[in-house]
Amino acid sequence: MHIHTPKLRFPEFSDEWVEKKLGKITSLITKGTTPSKFVENGVKFVKIECLEGDYINNDKCLFIDETTHLICNFIFTE
């Protein structure tokens, strides 16, 4: 496990960063279908375009609503 302390910090964060595998911090990893409707806030939807090396660029992430998330979760876990 790698521990990182970034040079630029938001005031509300003080702990060190901890590197984690995506499968440990997400409830669903799929390939293929991308939702057609995105919302201002909600469940973070990470597309391949959001990844920069080993990191997720949150500025490039989109959001889906809870209903869409539940439907996708149901479809891909059945």
Protein backbone atom coordinates (compact mmCIF):
# COMPACT_ATOMS: atom_id res chain seq x y z
CA MET A 1 0.00 0.00 0.00
CA HIS A 2 1.37 3.41 -1.00
CA ILE A 3 0.75 6.55 1.05
CA HIS A 4 0.74 9.93 -0.70
CA THR A 5 0.61 13.48 0.59
CA PRO A 6 -0.28 15.90 -2.23
CA LYS A 7 1.31 19.32 -2.61
CA LEU A 8 -2.06 21.02 -3.13
CA ARG A 9 -4.61 20.34 -0.35
CA PHE A 10 -8.22 21.32 0.21
CA PRO A 11 -8.66 22.71 3.75
CA GLU A 12 -11.14 19.99 4.77
CA PHE A 13 -8.59 17.22 4.07
CA SER A 14 -5.68 16.62 6.39
CA ASP A 15 -5.00 12.86 6.30
CA GLU A 16 -2.58 11.19 3.94
CA TRP A 17 -3.90 9.67 0.72
CA VAL A 18 -4.05 5.91 0.54
CA GLU A 19 -3.81 4.05 -2.76
CA LYS A 20 -6.64 1.53 -3.26
CA LYS A 21 -7.75 -0.80 -6.05
CA LEU A 22 -10.95 0.32 -7.83
CA GLY A 23 -12.66 -2.97 -7.02
CA LYS A 24 -12.25 -2.23 -3.30
CA ILE A 25 -13.97 1.19 -3.41
CA THR A 26 -16.73 0.74 -6.00
CA SER A 27 -19.85 -1.37 -6.05
CA LEU A 28 -19.95 -1.88 -9.81
CA ILE A 29 -17.40 -2.19 -12.59
CA THR A 30 -18.71 -2.96 -16.07
CA LYS A 31 -17.92 -2.45 -19.71
CA GLY A 32 -20.25 -1.57 -22.51
CA THR A 33 -23.40 0.39 -21.77
CA THR A 34 -23.01 4.04 -20.81
CA PRO A 35 -26.07 5.81 -19.40
CA SER A 36 -27.58 8.38 -21.75
CA LYS A 37 -28.74 10.75 -19.00
CA PHE A 38 -26.44 12.45 -16.54
CA VAL A 39 -27.31 14.75 -13.62
CA GLU A 40 -25.64 17.61 -11.74
CA ASN A 41 -25.06 15.56 -8.55
CA GLY A 42 -25.53 11.93 -7.60
CA VAL A 43 -23.56 8.71 -7.98
CA LYS A 44 -20.16 9.32 -9.55
CA PHE A 45 -19.85 7.68 -12.97
CA VAL A 46 -16.20 7.09 -13.87
CA LYS A 47 -15.55 6.61 -17.58
CA ILE A 48 -12.22 5.64 -19.10
CA GLU A 49 -11.73 9.29 -20.02
CA CYS A 50 -11.62 10.11 -16.28
CA LEU A 51 -8.51 8.01 -15.72
CA GLU A 52 -5.11 9.65 -15.92
CA GLY A 53 -2.43 7.07 -15.29
CA ASP A 54 -3.13 5.65 -11.84
CA TYR A 55 -5.51 8.43 -10.83
CA ILE A 56 -9.12 9.51 -11.35
CA ASN A 57 -9.52 13.09 -12.59
CA ASN A 58 -12.72 14.06 -10.77
CA ASP A 59 -13.18 17.08 -13.06
CA LYS A 60 -13.87 14.68 -15.94
CA CYS A 61 -16.33 12.46 -14.04
CA LEU A 62 -20.08 12.63 -14.57
CA PHE A 63 -22.96 11.75 -12.25
CA ILE A 64 -25.99 9.49 -12.61
CA ASP A 65 -29.09 9.49 -10.41
CA GLU A 66 -29.69 6.81 -7.77
CA THR A 67 -32.41 5.08 -9.85
CA THR A 68 -30.10 4.67 -12.85
CA HIS A 69 -27.38 3.34 -10.55
CA LEU A 70 -29.74 0.79 -9.00
CA ILE A 71 -30.98 -0.34 -12.43
CA CYS A 72 -27.41 -0.76 -13.74
CA ASN A 73 -26.41 -2.57 -10.57
CA PHE A 74 -29.36 -4.95 -10.93
CA ILE A 75 -28.75 -5.63 -14.64
CA PHE A 76 -25.04 -6.35 -14.25
CA THR A 77 -25.30 -8.48 -11.11
CA GLU A 78 -28.07 -10.81 -12.31
